[in-house]
Amino acid sequence: REAALRTFVTSDFSYTVENLIQAGKRRLTIQTV
């Protein structure tokens, strides 16, 4: 919920890259499975 509240997509193409750069710059904890 916290990560979603901080998600603001401004791109008109795809969310994947922008969302990841945002999360990295905001120091969110990211894991992969």
PDB file of all heavy atoms in Angstrom:
ATOM      1  N   ARG A   1       0.831  -1.208   0.000  1.00  0.00           N
ATOM      2  CA  ARG A   1       0.000   0.000   0.000  1.00  0.00           C
ATOM      3  C   ARG A   1       0.862   1.252   0.000  1.00  0.00           C
ATOM      4  O   ARG A   1       0.577   2.223  -0.715  1.00  0.00           O
ATOM      5  CB  ARG A   1      -0.917  -0.025   1.223  1.00  0.00           C
ATOM      6  CG  ARG A   1      -1.866   1.164   1.343  1.00  0.00           C
ATOM      7  CD  ARG A   1      -2.759   0.970   2.559  1.00  0.00           C
ATOM      8  NE  ARG A   1      -3.690   2.073   2.738  1.00  0.00           N
ATOM      9  CZ  ARG A   1      -3.410   3.173   3.420  1.00  0.00           C
ATOM     10  NH1 ARG A   1      -2.225   3.317   3.985  1.00  0.00           N
ATOM     11  NH2 ARG A   1      -4.316   4.132   3.556  1.00  0.00           N
ATOM     12  N   GLU A   2       1.949   1.239   0.773  1.00  0.00           N
ATOM     13  CA  GLU A   2       2.830   2.404   0.857  1.00  0.00           C
ATOM     14  C   GLU A   2       3.488   2.685  -0.488  1.00  0.00           C
ATOM     15  O   GLU A   2       3.560   3.838  -0.933  1.00  0.00           O
ATOM     16  CB  GLU A   2       3.905   2.156   1.925  1.00  0.00           C
ATOM     17  CG  GLU A   2       4.863   3.306   2.144  1.00  0.00           C
ATOM     18  CD  GLU A   2       4.222   4.511   2.804  1.00  0.00           C
ATOM     19  OE1 GLU A   2       3.120   4.380   3.357  1.00  0.00           O
ATOM     20  OE2 GLU A   2       4.841   5.595   2.771  1.00  0.00           O
ATOM     21  N   ALA A   3       3.975   1.631  -1.154  1.00  0.00           N
ATOM     22  CA  ALA A   3       4.601   1.813  -2.469  1.00  0.00           C
ATOM     23  C   ALA A   3       3.590   2.307  -3.487  1.00  0.00           C
ATOM     24  O   ALA A   3       3.903   3.152  -4.335  1.00  0.00           O
ATOM     25  CB  ALA A   3       5.234   0.502  -2.932  1.00  0.00           C
ATOM     26  N   ALA A   4       2.370   1.797  -3.421  1.00  0.00           N
ATOM     27  CA  ALA A   4       1.332   2.221  -4.359  1.00  0.00           C
ATOM     28  C   ALA A   4       0.977   3.691  -4.168  1.00  0.00           C
ATOM     29  O   ALA A   4       0.741   4.421  -5.140  1.00  0.00           O
ATOM     30  CB  ALA A   4       0.087   1.350  -4.195  1.00  0.00           C
ATOM     31  N   LEU A   5       0.932   4.140  -2.915  1.00  0.00           N
ATOM     32  CA  LEU A   5       0.620   5.542  -2.644  1.00  0.00           C
ATOM     33  C   LEU A   5       1.683   6.483  -3.208  1.00  0.00           C
ATOM     34  O   LEU A   5       1.403   7.645  -3.497  1.00  0.00           O
ATOM     35  CB  LEU A   5       0.487   5.773  -1.134  1.00  0.00           C
ATOM     36  CG  LEU A   5      -0.800   5.277  -0.479  1.00  0.00           C
ATOM     37  CD1 LEU A   5      -0.677   5.313   1.037  1.00  0.00           C
ATOM     38  CD2 LEU A   5      -1.992   6.102  -0.929  1.00  0.00           C
ATOM     39  N   ARG A   6       2.908   5.981  -3.365  1.00  0.00           N
ATOM     40  CA  ARG A   6       4.004   6.799  -3.891  1.00  0.00           C
ATOM     41  C   ARG A   6       4.226   6.580  -5.389  1.00  0.00           C
ATOM     42  O   ARG A   6       5.240   7.021  -5.937  1.00  0.00           O
ATOM     43  CB  ARG A   6       5.292   6.504  -3.121  1.00  0.00           C
ATOM     44  CG  ARG A   6       5.240   6.967  -1.666  1.00  0.00           C
ATOM     45  CD  ARG A   6       6.580   6.890  -0.985  1.00  0.00           C
ATOM     46  NE  ARG A   6       6.535   7.392   0.373  1.00  0.00           N
ATOM     47  CZ  ARG A   6       6.633   8.682   0.705  1.00  0.00           C
ATOM     48  NH1 ARG A   6       6.789   9.588  -0.232  1.00  0.00           N
ATOM     49  NH2 ARG A   6       6.581   9.063   1.973  1.00  0.00           N
ATOM     50  N   THR A   7       3.310   5.906  -6.044  1.00  0.00           N
ATOM     51  CA  THR A   7       3.430   5.648  -7.474  1.00  0.00           C
ATOM     52  C   THR A   7       2.698   6.714  -8.265  1.00  0.00           C
ATOM     53  O   THR A   7       1.485   6.880  -8.125  1.00  0.00           O
ATOM     54  CB  THR A   7       2.859   4.256  -7.820  1.00  0.00           C
ATOM     55  OG1 THR A   7       3.640   3.248  -7.156  1.00  0.00           O
ATOM     56  CG2 THR A   7       2.902   4.010  -9.327  1.00  0.00           C
ATOM     57  N   PHE A   8       3.444   7.449  -9.089  1.00  0.00           N
ATOM     58  CA  PHE A   8       2.867   8.492  -9.935  1.00  0.00           C
ATOM     59  C   PHE A   8       3.455   8.335 -11.332  1.00  0.00           C
ATOM     60  O   PHE A   8       4.581   8.767 -11.588  1.00  0.00           O
ATOM     61  CB  PHE A   8       3.170   9.895  -9.384  1.00  0.00           C
ATOM     62  CG  PHE A   8       2.828  10.075  -7.928  1.00  0.00           C
ATOM     63  CD1 PHE A   8       3.818  10.121  -6.968  1.00  0.00           C
ATOM     64  CD2 PHE A   8       1.511  10.192  -7.530  1.00  0.00           C
ATOM     65  CE1 PHE A   8       3.515  10.277  -5.626  1.00  0.00           C
ATOM     66  CE2 PHE A   8       1.187  10.352  -6.188  1.00  0.00           C
ATOM     67  CZ  PHE A   8       2.187  10.397  -5.235  1.00  0.00           C
ATOM     68  N   VAL A   9       2.736   7.683 -12.210  1.00  0.00           N
ATOM     69  CA  VAL A   9       3.226   7.435 -13.568  1.00  0.00           C
ATOM     70  C   VAL A   9       2.896   8.639 -14.441  1.00  0.00           C
ATOM     71  O   VAL A   9       1.739   9.059 -14.538  1.00  0.00           O
ATOM     72  CB  VAL A   9       2.599   6.159 -14.157  1.00  0.00           C
ATOM     73  CG1 VAL A   9       3.103   5.922 -15.579  1.00  0.00           C
ATOM     74  CG2 VAL A   9       2.931   4.955 -13.274  1.00  0.00           C
ATOM     75  N   THR A  10       3.918   9.203 -15.084  1.00  0.00           N
ATOM     76  CA  THR A  10       3.721  10.347 -15.971  1.00  0.00           C
ATOM     77  C   THR A  10       3.985   9.997 -17.425  1.00  0.00           C
ATOM     78  O   THR A  10       3.652  10.773 -18.316  1.00  0.00           O
ATOM     79  CB  THR A  10       4.646  11.512 -15.566  1.00  0.00           C
ATOM     80  OG1 THR A  10       6.011  11.076 -15.628  1.00  0.00           O
ATOM     81  CG2 THR A  10       4.338  11.965 -14.145  1.00  0.00           C
ATOM     82  N   SER A  11       4.594   8.840 -17.679  1.00  0.00           N
ATOM     83  CA  SER A  11       4.884   8.425 -19.052  1.00  0.00           C
ATOM     84  C   SER A  11       3.591   8.099 -19.792  1.00  0.00           C
ATOM     85  O   SER A  11       2.595   7.682 -19.182  1.00  0.00           O
ATOM     86  CB  SER A  11       5.798   7.193 -19.045  1.00  0.00           C
ATOM     87  OG  SER A  11       5.895   6.626 -20.334  1.00  0.00           O
ATOM     88  N   ASP A  12       3.603   8.274 -21.106  1.00  0.00           N
ATOM     89  CA  ASP A  12       2.444   7.898 -21.910  1.00  0.00           C
ATOM     90  C   ASP A  12       2.685   6.603 -22.681  1.00  0.00           C
ATOM     91  O   ASP A  12       1.914   6.255 -23.564  1.00  0.00           O
ATOM     92  CB  ASP A  12       2.078   9.026 -22.889  1.00  0.00           C
ATOM     93  CG  ASP A  12       3.225   9.365 -23.836  1.00  0.00           C
ATOM     94  OD1 ASP A  12       4.312   8.777 -23.686  1.00  0.00           O
ATOM     95  OD2 ASP A  12       3.036  10.224 -24.723  1.00  0.00           O
ATOM     96  N   PHE A  13       3.783   5.896 -22.344  1.00  0.00           N
ATOM     97  CA  PHE A  13       4.117   4.667 -23.056  1.00  0.00           C
ATOM     98  C   PHE A  13       3.975   3.449 -22.153  1.00  0.00           C
ATOM     99  O   PHE A  13       3.026   2.694 -22.251  1.00  0.00           O
ATOM    100  CB  PHE A  13       5.537   4.758 -23.626  1.00  0.00           C
ATOM    101  CG  PHE A  13       6.005   3.502 -24.323  1.00  0.00           C
ATOM    102  CD1 PHE A  13       5.268   2.963 -25.375  1.00  0.00           C
ATOM    103  CD2 PHE A  13       7.173   2.873 -23.927  1.00  0.00           C
ATOM    104  CE1 PHE A  13       5.690   1.805 -26.022  1.00  0.00           C
ATOM    105  CE2 PHE A  13       7.604   1.717 -24.570  1.00  0.00           C
ATOM    106  CZ  PHE A  13       6.854   1.197 -25.616  1.00  0.00           C
ATOM    107  N   SER A  14       4.917   3.243 -21.258  1.00  0.00           N
ATOM    108  CA  SER A  14       4.879   2.086 -20.369  1.00  0.00           C
ATOM    109  C   SER A  14       5.287   2.510 -18.962  1.00  0.00           C
ATOM    110  O   SER A  14       6.091   3.424 -18.792  1.00  0.00           O
ATOM    111  CB  SER A  14       5.810   0.986 -20.871  1.00  0.00           C
ATOM    112  OG  SER A  14       5.865  -0.096 -19.956  1.00  0.00           O
ATOM    113  N   TYR A  15       4.717   1.845 -17.984  1.00  0.00           N
ATOM    114  CA  TYR A  15       4.961   2.192 -16.586  1.00  0.00           C
ATOM    115  C   TYR A  15       6.188   1.505 -15.999  1.00  0.00           C
ATOM    116  O   TYR A  15       6.713   1.940 -14.982  1.00  0.00           O
ATOM    117  CB  TYR A  15       3.747   1.780 -15.741  1.00  0.00           C
ATOM    118  CG  TYR A  15       3.484   0.292 -15.810  1.00  0.00           C
ATOM    119  CD1 TYR A  15       4.085  -0.589 -14.919  1.00  0.00           C
ATOM    120  CD2 TYR A  15       2.667  -0.239 -16.799  1.00  0.00           C
ATOM    121  CE1 TYR A  15       3.871  -1.951 -15.005  1.00  0.00           C
ATOM    122  CE2 TYR A  15       2.444  -1.594 -16.889  1.00  0.00           C
ATOM    123  CZ  TYR A  15       3.048  -2.448 -15.999  1.00  0.00           C
ATOM    124  OH  TYR A  15       2.849  -3.804 -16.102  1.00  0.00           O
ATOM    125  N   THR A  16       6.662   0.411 -16.621  1.00  0.00           N
ATOM    126  CA  THR A  16       7.628  -0.468 -15.967  1.00  0.00           C
ATOM    127  C   THR A  16       8.920   0.241 -15.601  1.00  0.00           C
ATOM    128  O   THR A  16       9.385   0.177 -14.461  1.00  0.00           O
ATOM    129  CB  THR A  16       7.942  -1.671 -16.864  1.00  0.00           C
ATOM    130  OG1 THR A  16       8.344  -1.210 -18.171  1.00  0.00           O
ATOM    131  CG2 THR A  16       6.724  -2.577 -17.018  1.00  0.00           C
ATOM    132  N   VAL A  17       9.517   0.934 -16.565  1.00  0.00           N
ATOM    133  CA  VAL A  17      10.811   1.581 -16.335  1.00  0.00           C
ATOM    134  C   VAL A  17      10.668   2.777 -15.409  1.00  0.00           C
ATOM    135  O   VAL A  17      11.423   2.933 -14.446  1.00  0.00           O
ATOM    136  CB  VAL A  17      11.435   1.997 -17.678  1.00  0.00           C
ATOM    137  CG1 VAL A  17      12.648   2.898 -17.451  1.00  0.00           C
ATOM    138  CG2 VAL A  17      11.841   0.763 -18.480  1.00  0.00           C
ATOM    139  N   GLU A  18       9.702   3.640 -15.683  1.00  0.00           N
ATOM    140  CA  GLU A  18       9.509   4.834 -14.854  1.00  0.00           C
ATOM    141  C   GLU A  18       9.209   4.448 -13.411  1.00  0.00           C
ATOM    142  O   GLU A  18       9.765   5.021 -12.470  1.00  0.00           O
ATOM    143  CB  GLU A  18       8.382   5.690 -15.417  1.00  0.00           C
ATOM    144  CG  GLU A  18       8.159   6.960 -14.607  1.00  0.00           C
ATOM    145  CD  GLU A  18       7.024   7.811 -15.134  1.00  0.00           C
ATOM    146  OE1 GLU A  18       6.330   7.375 -16.062  1.00  0.00           O
ATOM    147  OE2 GLU A  18       6.827   8.921 -14.597  1.00  0.00           O
ATOM    148  N   ASN A  19       8.329   3.475 -13.230  1.00  0.00           N
ATOM    149  CA  ASN A  19       7.959   3.023 -11.899  1.00  0.00           C
ATOM    150  C   ASN A  19       9.173   2.501 -11.129  1.00  0.00           C
ATOM    151  O   ASN A  19       9.334   2.766  -9.929  1.00  0.00           O
ATOM    152  CB  ASN A  19       6.896   1.936 -12.028  1.00  0.00           C
ATOM    153  CG  ASN A  19       6.300   1.512 -10.699  1.00  0.00           C
ATOM    154  OD1 ASN A  19       5.965   0.342 -10.514  1.00  0.00           O
ATOM    155  ND2 ASN A  19       6.155   2.425  -9.763  1.00  0.00           N
ATOM    156  N   LEU A  20      10.062   1.780 -11.820  1.00  0.00           N
ATOM    157  CA  LEU A  20      11.245   1.219 -11.163  1.00  0.00           C
ATOM    158  C   LEU A  20      12.248   2.309 -10.798  1.00  0.00           C
ATOM    159  O   LEU A  20      12.823   2.289  -9.704  1.00  0.00           O
ATOM    160  CB  LEU A  20      11.895   0.181 -12.078  1.00  0.00           C
ATOM    161  CG  LEU A  20      13.081  -0.588 -11.487  1.00  0.00           C
ATOM    162  CD1 LEU A  20      12.681  -1.298 -10.208  1.00  0.00           C
ATOM    163  CD2 LEU A  20      13.618  -1.590 -12.503  1.00  0.00           C
ATOM    164  N   ILE A  21      12.471   3.269 -11.706  1.00  0.00           N
ATOM    165  CA  ILE A  21      13.400   4.365 -11.399  1.00  0.00           C
ATOM    166  C   ILE A  21      12.866   5.190 -10.227  1.00  0.00           C
ATOM    167  O   ILE A  21      13.614   5.573  -9.324  1.00  0.00           O
ATOM    168  CB  ILE A  21      13.635   5.243 -12.641  1.00  0.00           C
ATOM    169  CG1 ILE A  21      14.347   4.439 -13.730  1.00  0.00           C
ATOM    170  CG2 ILE A  21      14.463   6.479 -12.275  1.00  0.00           C
ATOM    171  CD1 ILE A  21      14.535   5.186 -15.037  1.00  0.00           C
ATOM    172  N   GLN A  22      11.563   5.461 -10.232  1.00  0.00           N
ATOM    173  CA  GLN A  22      10.953   6.175  -9.109  1.00  0.00           C
ATOM    174  C   GLN A  22      11.195   5.433  -7.802  1.00  0.00           C
ATOM    175  O   GLN A  22      11.596   6.030  -6.804  1.00  0.00           O
ATOM    176  CB  GLN A  22       9.448   6.323  -9.334  1.00  0.00           C
ATOM    177  CG  GLN A  22       9.042   7.370 -10.338  1.00  0.00           C
ATOM    178  CD  GLN A  22       7.535   7.442 -10.492  1.00  0.00           C
ATOM    179  OE1 GLN A  22       6.799   6.590 -10.003  1.00  0.00           O
ATOM    180  NE2 GLN A  22       7.063   8.452 -11.188  1.00  0.00           N
ATOM    181  N   ALA A  23      10.932   4.139  -7.810  1.00  0.00           N
ATOM    182  CA  ALA A  23      11.083   3.348  -6.586  1.00  0.00           C
ATOM    183  C   ALA A  23      12.529   3.348  -6.110  1.00  0.00           C
ATOM    184  O   ALA A  23      12.800   3.457  -4.904  1.00  0.00           O
ATOM    185  CB  ALA A  23      10.613   1.915  -6.842  1.00  0.00           C
ATOM    186  N   GLY A  24      13.467   3.245  -7.049  1.00  0.00           N
ATOM    187  CA  GLY A  24      14.877   3.258  -6.676  1.00  0.00           C
ATOM    188  C   GLY A  24      15.299   4.588  -6.083  1.00  0.00           C
ATOM    189  O   GLY A  24      16.013   4.631  -5.067  1.00  0.00           O
ATOM    190  N   LYS A  25      14.855   5.685  -6.679  1.00  0.00           N
ATOM    191  CA  LYS A  25      15.235   7.010  -6.188  1.00  0.00           C
ATOM    192  C   LYS A  25      14.558   7.338  -4.865  1.00  0.00           C
ATOM    193  O   LYS A  25      15.066   8.159  -4.099  1.00  0.00           O
ATOM    194  CB  LYS A  25      14.889   8.075  -7.232  1.00  0.00           C
ATOM    195  CG  LYS A  25      15.654   7.933  -8.541  1.00  0.00           C
ATOM    196  CD  LYS A  25      17.147   7.880  -8.336  1.00  0.00           C
ATOM    197  CE  LYS A  25      17.907   7.694  -9.625  1.00  0.00           C
ATOM    198  NZ  LYS A  25      19.372   7.560  -9.404  1.00  0.00           N
ATOM    199  N   ARG A  26      13.408   6.713  -4.591  1.00  0.00           N
ATOM    200  CA  ARG A  26      12.717   6.946  -3.313  1.00  0.00           C
ATOM    201  C   ARG A  26      13.146   5.956  -2.240  1.00  0.00           C
ATOM    202  O   ARG A  26      12.554   5.894  -1.168  1.00  0.00           O
ATOM    203  CB  ARG A  26      11.211   6.867  -3.534  1.00  0.00           C
ATOM    204  CG  ARG A  26      10.675   8.060  -4.326  1.00  0.00           C
ATOM    205  CD  ARG A  26       9.268   7.838  -4.764  1.00  0.00           C
ATOM    206  NE  ARG A  26       8.775   8.975  -5.543  1.00  0.00           N
ATOM    207  CZ  ARG A  26       7.799   8.915  -6.425  1.00  0.00           C
ATOM    208  NH1 ARG A  26       7.203   7.764  -6.666  1.00  0.00           N
ATOM    209  NH2 ARG A  26       7.424   9.981  -7.095  1.00  0.00           N
ATOM    210  N   ARG A  27      14.146   5.154  -2.544  1.00  0.00           N
ATOM    211  CA  ARG A  27      14.727   4.204  -1.594  1.00  0.00           C
ATOM    212  C   ARG A  27      13.720   3.168  -1.094  1.00  0.00           C
ATOM    213  O   ARG A  27      13.786   2.725   0.059  1.00  0.00           O
ATOM    214  CB  ARG A  27      15.346   4.940  -0.403  1.00  0.00           C
ATOM    215  CG  ARG A  27      16.437   5.930  -0.766  1.00  0.00           C
ATOM    216  CD  ARG A  27      17.667   5.243  -1.322  1.00  0.00           C
ATOM    217  NE  ARG A  27      18.767   6.162  -1.498  1.00  0.00           N
ATOM    218  CZ  ARG A  27      19.035   6.850  -2.607  1.00  0.00           C
ATOM    219  NH1 ARG A  27      18.224   6.701  -3.661  1.00  0.00           N
ATOM    220  NH2 ARG A  27      20.064   7.662  -2.686  1.00  0.00           N
ATOM    221  N   LEU A  28      12.785   2.775  -1.960  1.00  0.00           N
ATOM    222  CA  LEU A  28      11.893   1.685  -1.594  1.00  0.00           C
ATOM    223  C   LEU A  28      12.657   0.363  -1.680  1.00  0.00           C
ATOM    224  O   LEU A  28      13.578   0.213  -2.485  1.00  0.00           O
ATOM    225  CB  LEU A  28      10.682   1.640  -2.535  1.00  0.00           C
ATOM    226  CG  LEU A  28       9.760   2.870  -2.522  1.00  0.00           C
ATOM    227  CD1 LEU A  28       8.608   2.669  -3.495  1.00  0.00           C
ATOM    228  CD2 LEU A  28       9.227   3.153  -1.123  1.00  0.00           C
ATOM    229  N   THR A  29      12.267  -0.588  -0.849  1.00  0.00           N
ATOM    230  CA  THR A  29      12.923  -1.892  -0.853  1.00  0.00           C
ATOM    231  C   THR A  29      12.315  -2.763  -1.951  1.00  0.00           C
ATOM    232  O   THR A  29      11.119  -3.043  -1.935  1.00  0.00           O
ATOM    233  CB  THR A  29      12.769  -2.594   0.513  1.00  0.00           C
ATOM    234  OG1 THR A  29      13.284  -1.729   1.532  1.00  0.00           O
ATOM    235  CG2 THR A  29      13.524  -3.903   0.532  1.00  0.00           C
ATOM    236  N   ILE A  30      13.158  -3.168  -2.895  1.00  0.00           N
ATOM    237  CA  ILE A  30      12.690  -3.916  -4.060  1.00  0.00           C
ATOM    238  C   ILE A  30      13.324  -5.303  -4.067  1.00  0.00           C
ATOM    239  O   ILE A  30      14.538  -5.437  -3.886  1.00  0.00           O
ATOM    240  CB  ILE A  30      13.046  -3.180  -5.365  1.00  0.00           C
ATOM    241  CG1 ILE A  30      12.501  -1.751  -5.341  1.00  0.00           C
ATOM    242  CG2 ILE A  30      12.509  -3.933  -6.579  1.00  0.00           C
ATOM    243  CD1 ILE A  30      13.017  -0.886  -6.464  1.00  0.00           C
ATOM    244  N   GLN A  31      12.502  -6.318  -4.240  1.00  0.00           N
ATOM    245  CA  GLN A  31      12.993  -7.684  -4.372  1.00  0.00           C
ATOM    246  C   GLN A  31      12.473  -8.281  -5.675  1.00  0.00           C
ATOM    247  O   GLN A  31      11.523  -7.777  -6.281  1.00  0.00           O
ATOM    248  CB  GLN A  31      12.566  -8.542  -3.182  1.00  0.00           C
ATOM    249  CG  GLN A  31      13.257  -8.194  -1.881  1.00  0.00           C
ATOM    250  CD  GLN A  31      13.049  -9.253  -0.806  1.00  0.00           C
ATOM    251  OE1 GLN A  31      12.633 -10.380  -1.086  1.00  0.00           O
ATOM    252  NE2 GLN A  31      13.338  -8.894   0.438  1.00  0.00           N
ATOM    253  N   THR A  32      13.122  -9.346  -6.112  1.00  0.00           N
ATOM    254  CA  THR A  32      12.675 -10.060  -7.312  1.00  0.00           C
ATOM    255  C   THR A  32      12.422 -11.519  -6.969  1.00  0.00           C
ATOM    256  O   THR A  32      13.039 -12.074  -6.052  1.00  0.00           O
ATOM    257  CB  THR A  32      13.720  -9.981  -8.435  1.00  0.00           C
ATOM    258  OG1 THR A  32      14.951 -10.567  -7.983  1.00  0.00           O
ATOM    259  CG2 THR A  32      13.973  -8.545  -8.847  1.00  0.00           C
ATOM    260  N   VAL A  33      11.507 -12.119  -7.715  1.00  0.00           N
ATOM    261  CA  VAL A  33      11.166 -13.533  -7.540  1.00  0.00           C
ATOM    262  C   VAL A  33      11.208 -14.198  -8.915  1.00  0.00           C
ATOM    263  O   VAL A  33      10.514 -13.743  -9.837  1.00  0.00           O
ATOM    264  CB  VAL A  33       9.763 -13.692  -6.925  1.00  0.00           C
ATOM    265  CG1 VAL A  33       9.347 -15.161  -6.901  1.00  0.00           C
ATOM    266  CG2 VAL A  33       9.719 -13.119  -5.520  1.00  0.00           C
TER     267      VAL A  33
END
